[in-house]
């Protein structure tokens, strides 16, 4: 457990993701698939980082929003443009986990068919 404020911890988590995430690979995939963002085309690395940071901030806000009453073991996700950010909070109500994904294809099903 760290003594840093929740805001500082959140910013450090987001910074780490933005520094380690392979945005170049995402851009290559988008170019290869002819995948464009509306009005932009294939985005620059900087624009992708801005978008990803926005998704991460929104996921953190969503999981911490008291009005939503999200449980500590329930993820809150935000996605757009291929990026999906997921956040969890711990049992004390603080941000505990952040994840960023670039999703090209996904499928789910259940037995309610």
Protein backbone atom coordinates (compact mmCIF):
# COMPACT_ATOMS: atom_id res chain seq x y z
CA UNK A 1 0.00 0.00 0.00
CA UNK A 2 1.36 3.39 -0.95
CA UNK A 3 1.09 6.67 0.96
CA UNK A 4 0.52 8.64 -2.25
CA UNK A 5 -2.84 10.27 -2.81
CA UNK A 6 -5.39 8.38 -4.93
CA UNK A 7 -5.02 11.04 -7.65
CA UNK A 8 -1.23 10.57 -7.80
CA UNK A 9 -1.57 6.79 -7.89
CA UNK A 10 -4.11 7.05 -10.73
CA UNK A 11 -1.85 9.33 -12.75
CA UNK A 12 1.13 7.00 -12.23
CA UNK A 13 -0.89 4.00 -13.38
CA UNK A 14 -2.06 5.80 -16.52
CA UNK A 15 1.44 7.09 -17.25
CA UNK A 16 2.90 3.58 -16.99
CA UNK A 17 0.33 2.18 -19.41
CA UNK A 18 0.90 4.98 -21.92
CA UNK A 19 4.67 4.48 -21.74
CA UNK A 20 4.58 0.68 -22.08
CA UNK A 21 1.69 0.11 -24.49
CA UNK A 22 2.68 -0.67 -28.09
CA UNK A 23 0.85 2.06 -29.99
CA UNK A 24 3.07 1.52 -33.03
CA UNK A 25 1.72 -2.01 -33.37
CA UNK A 26 -1.85 -0.73 -33.16
CA UNK A 27 -1.13 1.85 -35.86
CA UNK A 28 0.39 -0.84 -38.11
CA UNK A 29 -2.68 -3.04 -37.66
CA UNK A 30 -5.00 -0.14 -38.44
CA UNK A 31 -3.03 0.67 -41.58
CA UNK A 32 -2.97 -2.96 -42.67
CA UNK A 33 -6.73 -3.35 -42.12
CA UNK A 34 -7.52 0.02 -43.70
CA UNK A 35 -9.16 0.94 -40.39
CA UNK A 36 -9.82 4.66 -40.09
CA UNK A 37 -11.14 6.88 -37.34
CA UNK A 38 -13.94 9.08 -38.64
CA UNK A 39 -12.61 12.37 -39.93
CA UNK A 40 -8.99 11.49 -39.06
CA UNK A 41 -7.96 8.45 -41.05
CA UNK A 42 -5.35 6.28 -39.35
CA UNK A 43 -4.49 8.32 -36.26
CA UNK A 44 -1.01 9.44 -35.28
CA UNK A 45 0.67 7.79 -32.32
CA UNK A 46 0.12 10.98 -30.32
CA UNK A 47 -3.61 11.00 -31.13
CA UNK A 48 -3.85 7.32 -30.16
CA UNK A 49 -2.19 8.08 -26.81
CA UNK A 50 -4.61 10.94 -26.19
CA UNK A 51 -7.56 8.68 -26.96
CA UNK A 52 -6.21 5.88 -24.78
CA UNK A 53 -5.59 8.28 -21.90
CA UNK A 54 -9.17 9.49 -22.22
CA UNK A 55 -10.48 5.91 -22.12
CA UNK A 56 -8.36 5.14 -19.04
CA UNK A 57 -9.55 8.28 -17.23
CA UNK A 58 -13.18 7.49 -18.09
CA UNK A 59 -12.86 3.88 -16.90
CA UNK A 60 -11.32 5.07 -13.62
CA UNK A 61 -14.05 7.68 -13.20
CA UNK A 62 -16.72 5.09 -13.93
CA UNK A 63 -15.55 2.51 -11.42
CA UNK A 64 -15.06 5.14 -8.71
CA UNK A 65 -18.39 6.95 -9.29
CA UNK A 66 -20.37 6.46 -6.08
CA UNK A 67 -23.70 6.82 -7.87
CA UNK A 68 -22.95 3.76 -10.02
CA UNK A 69 -22.26 1.61 -6.94
CA UNK A 70 -19.80 -0.65 -8.76
CA UNK A 71 -18.59 -3.47 -6.51
CA UNK A 72 -14.89 -3.97 -5.87
CA UNK A 73 -14.82 -7.21 -7.88
CA UNK A 74 -16.74 -5.77 -10.84
CA UNK A 75 -14.87 -4.23 -13.78
CA UNK A 76 -15.92 -0.99 -15.42
CA UNK A 77 -14.93 -0.67 -19.10
CA UNK A 78 -14.98 2.08 -21.70
CA UNK A 79 -14.19 1.49 -25.37
CA UNK A 80 -13.95 3.33 -28.66
CA UNK A 81 -11.78 3.27 -31.76
CA UNK A 82 -10.42 -0.17 -30.94
CA UNK A 83 -9.23 0.79 -27.46
CA UNK A 84 -10.84 -0.73 -24.38
CA UNK A 85 -9.92 0.48 -20.91
CA UNK A 86 -10.96 -1.50 -17.85
CA UNK A 87 -10.75 -0.43 -14.22
CA UNK A 88 -11.30 -2.15 -10.88
CA UNK A 89 -11.42 -0.65 -7.42
CA UNK A 90 -10.37 -2.33 -4.19
CA UNK A 91 -12.59 -3.01 -1.21
CA UNK A 92 -11.66 0.37 0.25
CA UNK A 93 -13.03 2.17 -2.80
CA UNK A 94 -9.69 3.15 -4.35
CA UNK A 95 -8.54 2.49 -7.90
CA UNK A 96 -6.68 -0.81 -7.83
CA UNK A 97 -6.23 -1.95 -11.44
CA UNK A 98 -6.21 -0.41 -14.91
CA UNK A 99 -5.94 -2.24 -18.22
CA UNK A 100 -5.73 -1.02 -21.82
CA UNK A 101 -6.43 -3.26 -24.80
CA UNK A 102 -6.56 -2.73 -28.54
CA UNK A 103 -9.23 -5.08 -29.80
CA UNK A 104 -9.38 -6.15 -33.42
CA UNK A 105 -11.99 -8.88 -33.06
CA UNK A 106 -14.02 -10.32 -30.23
CA UNK A 107 -17.05 -12.55 -29.78
CA UNK A 108 -19.06 -13.68 -26.80
CA UNK A 109 -22.08 -15.91 -26.32
CA UNK A 110 -24.05 -17.40 -23.49
CA UNK A 111 -26.66 -20.09 -23.10
CA UNK A 112 -29.67 -17.73 -23.43
CA UNK A 113 -30.04 -18.64 -27.10
